[in-house]
Amino acid sequence: MHTPLGSSNLPQPMAIYAIKKGEESSERLQQRFKKQVQKSGLLKLLRERSNYKKPLTRRLQRIRALKREGYRNQNRKTQFYSNM
């Protein structure tokens, strides 16, 4: 199936850069750059794409969702009683 350009789910490529401002130190410049990279979500996306994940069956998705819901309910109970 062919999709026209720009309509895919992939984010558009963008350049991330940091230009030194006045008397800014190299460490501060590096921190600013790292923050921009983290905000863009680029590293997260690259980590997800680094290894192929086989799509889950609906049955497995449902089982995992129910398990997650159980953990959340259990956590809510402990949070409620910890405040007393």
Protein backbone atom coordinates (compact mmCIF):
# COMPACT_ATOMS: atom_id res chain seq x y z
CA MET A 1 0.00 0.00 0.00
CA HIS A 2 1.43 3.38 -0.99
CA THR A 3 0.86 6.48 1.13
CA PRO A 4 1.41 10.00 -0.17
CA LEU A 5 4.26 11.99 1.35
CA GLY A 6 3.48 13.69 4.61
CA SER A 7 0.53 11.46 5.50
CA SER A 8 2.49 8.70 7.23
CA ASN A 9 2.61 8.33 11.01
CA LEU A 10 6.35 9.04 11.13
CA PRO A 11 7.43 12.44 12.46
CA GLN A 12 8.98 14.86 10.03
CA PRO A 13 12.78 15.05 10.25
CA MET A 14 14.03 18.08 12.13
CA ALA A 15 17.40 19.49 13.04
CA ILE A 16 18.20 19.86 16.71
CA TYR A 17 20.94 22.35 17.47
CA ALA A 18 22.09 24.75 20.15
CA ILE A 19 24.00 27.93 19.39
CA LYS A 20 26.27 29.35 22.07
CA LYS A 21 24.81 32.50 23.66
CA GLY A 22 27.35 35.13 24.67
CA GLU A 23 29.44 34.01 27.62
CA GLU A 24 27.59 30.69 28.01
CA SER A 25 29.81 27.83 29.18
CA SER A 26 30.27 24.65 27.17
CA GLU A 27 28.61 22.62 29.93
CA ARG A 28 25.52 24.84 29.91
CA LEU A 29 25.36 24.64 26.11
CA GLN A 30 25.55 20.85 26.29
CA GLN A 31 22.78 20.76 28.94
CA ARG A 32 20.54 22.92 26.74
CA PHE A 33 21.16 20.66 23.74
CA LYS A 34 20.42 17.52 25.77
CA LYS A 35 17.18 19.10 26.99
CA GLN A 36 16.11 19.88 23.42
CA VAL A 37 16.84 16.30 22.34
CA GLN A 38 14.86 14.94 25.28
CA LYS A 39 11.89 17.24 24.61
CA SER A 40 11.81 16.25 20.94
CA GLY A 41 11.39 12.56 21.86
CA LEU A 42 13.96 11.56 19.26
CA LEU A 43 15.95 9.19 21.49
CA LYS A 44 12.79 7.45 22.69
CA LEU A 45 11.71 6.92 19.09
CA LEU A 46 15.12 5.58 18.08
CA ARG A 47 15.18 3.16 21.02
CA GLU A 48 11.73 1.86 20.07
CA ARG A 49 12.77 1.34 16.46
CA SER A 50 16.15 -0.25 17.24
CA ASN A 51 14.62 -3.70 17.76
CA TYR A 52 11.65 -5.13 15.91
CA LYS A 53 8.69 -5.88 18.15
CA LYS A 54 6.26 -8.45 16.86
CA PRO A 55 2.70 -7.07 16.96
CA LEU A 56 0.67 -8.54 19.82
CA THR A 57 -2.49 -10.53 19.27
CA ARG A 58 -5.71 -9.03 20.60
CA ARG A 59 -5.86 -11.77 23.22
CA LEU A 60 -2.40 -10.91 24.56
CA GLN A 61 -3.18 -7.18 24.53
CA ARG A 62 -6.36 -7.80 26.53
CA ILE A 63 -4.57 -10.04 29.06
CA ARG A 64 -1.81 -7.47 29.61
CA ALA A 65 -4.34 -4.62 29.91
CA LEU A 66 -6.27 -6.54 32.58
CA LYS A 67 -3.04 -7.27 34.46
CA ARG A 68 -2.06 -3.57 34.31
CA GLU A 69 -5.50 -2.56 35.58
CA GLY A 70 -5.16 -4.98 38.49
CA TYR A 71 -1.77 -3.54 39.43
CA ARG A 72 -3.16 -0.01 39.26
CA ASN A 73 -6.13 -0.89 41.48
CA GLN A 74 -3.83 -2.54 43.99
CA ASN A 75 -1.54 0.52 43.96
CA ARG A 76 -4.49 2.88 44.49
CA LYS A 77 -5.50 0.94 47.61
CA THR A 78 -2.00 1.13 49.08
CA GLN A 79 -1.75 4.85 48.27
CA PHE A 80 -5.10 5.52 49.96
CA TYR A 81 -4.20 3.69 53.15
CA SER A 82 -0.69 5.11 53.35
CA ASN A 83 -2.10 8.62 53.91
CA MET A 84 -3.98 7.64 57.08
